[in-house]
Amino acid sequence: MRNRIHPQYRPVVFRDRGADYAFLTRSTAETDRTIEWRDGRTYPLVDVDVSSASHPFYTGRRQVLDATGAVEKFNRRYRRS
């Protein structure tokens, strides 16, 4: 492999602010933010919108968002007589 062409692979903390959940893993993600982790060391921090702590597939909580009434319109149109 050629030198200095690959991104740095290092420990990074990913934080899901909506679920108040964070985990430490290794990544090449770039960020300017840092956080002090439980072990007392400082690591780069990446905030994410969805993680396994908040995604419905992993939590088992389903949310159906139907603001336009599309489901009801479909059911009325294709209702069996």
C-alpha atoms as a PDB file:
ATOM      1  CA  MET A   1       0.000   0.000   0.000  1.00  0.00           C
ATOM      2  CA  ARG A   2       1.110   3.534  -0.676  1.00  0.00           C
ATOM      3  CA  ASN A   3       1.891   5.793   2.272  1.00  0.00           C
ATOM      4  CA  ARG A   4      -0.194   8.860   3.233  1.00  0.00           C
ATOM      5  CA  ILE A   5      -3.184   8.172   0.950  1.00  0.00           C
ATOM      6  CA  HIS A   6      -5.422   6.358   3.445  1.00  0.00           C
ATOM      7  CA  PRO A   7      -7.515   8.110   6.100  1.00  0.00           C
ATOM      8  CA  GLN A   8      -6.499   7.696   9.723  1.00  0.00           C
ATOM      9  CA  TYR A   9      -8.263   4.745  11.388  1.00  0.00           C
ATOM     10  CA  ARG A  10      -8.694   5.572  15.067  1.00  0.00           C
ATOM     11  CA  PRO A  11     -11.086   5.271  18.033  1.00  0.00           C
ATOM     12  CA  VAL A  12     -14.122   7.556  17.641  1.00  0.00           C
ATOM     13  CA  VAL A  13     -17.204   8.107  19.833  1.00  0.00           C
ATOM     14  CA  PHE A  14     -20.563   8.130  18.012  1.00  0.00           C
ATOM     15  CA  ARG A  15     -23.401   9.803  19.941  1.00  0.00           C
ATOM     16  CA  ASP A  16     -27.136   9.579  19.294  1.00  0.00           C
ATOM     17  CA  ARG A  17     -28.391  12.672  21.095  1.00  0.00           C
ATOM     18  CA  GLY A  18     -32.064  11.780  20.695  1.00  0.00           C
ATOM     19  CA  ALA A  19     -31.648   8.467  22.506  1.00  0.00           C
ATOM     20  CA  ASP A  20     -28.953   9.707  24.917  1.00  0.00           C
ATOM     21  CA  TYR A  21     -26.688   6.869  23.768  1.00  0.00           C
ATOM     22  CA  ALA A  22     -23.018   6.847  22.820  1.00  0.00           C
ATOM     23  CA  PHE A  23     -20.571   4.137  21.840  1.00  0.00           C
ATOM     24  CA  LEU A  24     -16.854   3.937  21.201  1.00  0.00           C
ATOM     25  CA  THR A  25     -15.630   2.211  18.060  1.00  0.00           C
ATOM     26  CA  ARG A  26     -12.951   2.627  15.422  1.00  0.00           C
ATOM     27  CA  SER A  27     -13.607   4.732  12.326  1.00  0.00           C
ATOM     28  CA  THR A  28     -12.125   7.006   9.696  1.00  0.00           C
ATOM     29  CA  ALA A  29     -14.839   9.649  10.227  1.00  0.00           C
ATOM     30  CA  GLU A  30     -13.486  13.210  10.282  1.00  0.00           C
ATOM     31  CA  THR A  31     -14.636  15.647  12.968  1.00  0.00           C
ATOM     32  CA  ASP A  32     -13.402  18.670  14.884  1.00  0.00           C
ATOM     33  CA  ARG A  33     -15.381  17.884  18.045  1.00  0.00           C
ATOM     34  CA  THR A  34     -14.064  15.842  20.977  1.00  0.00           C
ATOM     35  CA  ILE A  35     -15.487  14.250  24.115  1.00  0.00           C
ATOM     36  CA  GLU A  36     -14.003  12.813  27.279  1.00  0.00           C
ATOM     37  CA  TRP A  37     -14.972   9.141  27.450  1.00  0.00           C
ATOM     38  CA  ARG A  38     -15.573   6.959  30.518  1.00  0.00           C
ATOM     39  CA  ASP A  39     -11.955   5.822  30.568  1.00  0.00           C
ATOM     40  CA  GLY A  40     -10.771   9.419  31.032  1.00  0.00           C
ATOM     41  CA  ARG A  41      -9.320   9.762  27.527  1.00  0.00           C
ATOM     42  CA  THR A  42     -10.436  12.299  24.943  1.00  0.00           C
ATOM     43  CA  TYR A  43     -11.758  10.970  21.614  1.00  0.00           C
ATOM     44  CA  PRO A  44     -13.175  12.549  18.432  1.00  0.00           C
ATOM     45  CA  LEU A  45     -16.980  12.876  18.577  1.00  0.00           C
ATOM     46  CA  VAL A  46     -19.479  12.316  15.753  1.00  0.00           C
ATOM     47  CA  ASP A  47     -23.166  13.097  16.399  1.00  0.00           C
ATOM     48  CA  VAL A  48     -25.602  10.860  14.493  1.00  0.00           C
ATOM     49  CA  ASP A  49     -29.356  11.193  13.952  1.00  0.00           C
ATOM     50  CA  VAL A  50     -30.194   7.503  14.251  1.00  0.00           C
ATOM     51  CA  SER A  51     -28.452   4.608  15.973  1.00  0.00           C
ATOM     52  CA  SER A  52     -29.420   1.138  17.141  1.00  0.00           C
ATOM     53  CA  ALA A  53     -30.807   2.762  20.304  1.00  0.00           C
ATOM     54  CA  SER A  54     -33.351   4.864  18.391  1.00  0.00           C
ATOM     55  CA  HIS A  55     -34.059   3.035  15.103  1.00  0.00           C
ATOM     56  CA  PRO A  56     -37.460   1.288  15.090  1.00  0.00           C
ATOM     57  CA  PHE A  57     -36.007  -1.878  13.554  1.00  0.00           C
ATOM     58  CA  TYR A  58     -33.741  -2.409  16.565  1.00  0.00           C
ATOM     59  CA  THR A  59     -36.045  -1.062  19.287  1.00  0.00           C
ATOM     60  CA  GLY A  60     -39.216  -2.837  18.148  1.00  0.00           C
ATOM     61  CA  ARG A  61     -41.207   0.409  18.312  1.00  0.00           C
ATOM     62  CA  ARG A  62     -42.967   1.209  15.057  1.00  0.00           C
ATOM     63  CA  GLN A  63     -44.185   4.642  14.132  1.00  0.00           C
ATOM     64  CA  VAL A  64     -46.540   5.208  11.252  1.00  0.00           C
ATOM     65  CA  LEU A  65     -46.422   8.769   9.991  1.00  0.00           C
ATOM     66  CA  ASP A  66     -49.345   9.480   7.700  1.00  0.00           C
ATOM     67  CA  ALA A  67     -49.996  13.196   7.716  1.00  0.00           C
ATOM     68  CA  THR A  68     -51.770  13.275   4.371  1.00  0.00           C
ATOM     69  CA  GLY A  69     -54.290  10.462   4.955  1.00  0.00           C
ATOM     70  CA  ALA A  70     -52.820   8.384   2.126  1.00  0.00           C
ATOM     71  CA  VAL A  71     -53.611   5.079   3.846  1.00  0.00           C
ATOM     72  CA  GLU A  72     -57.268   5.966   4.353  1.00  0.00           C
ATOM     73  CA  LYS A  73     -57.553   7.219   0.764  1.00  0.00           C
ATOM     74  CA  PHE A  74     -56.036   3.959  -0.507  1.00  0.00           C
ATOM     75  CA  ASN A  75     -58.414   1.880   1.617  1.00  0.00           C
ATOM     76  CA  ARG A  76     -61.473   3.832   0.408  1.00  0.00           C
ATOM     77  CA  ARG A  77     -60.423   3.543  -3.241  1.00  0.00           C
ATOM     78  CA  TYR A  78     -59.617  -0.171  -3.225  1.00  0.00           C
ATOM     79  CA  ARG A  79     -62.150  -1.394  -0.658  1.00  0.00           C
ATOM     80  CA  ARG A  80     -63.714  -4.702  -1.571  1.00  0.00           C
ATOM     81  CA  SER A  81     -67.453  -4.487  -2.235  1.00  0.00           C
END
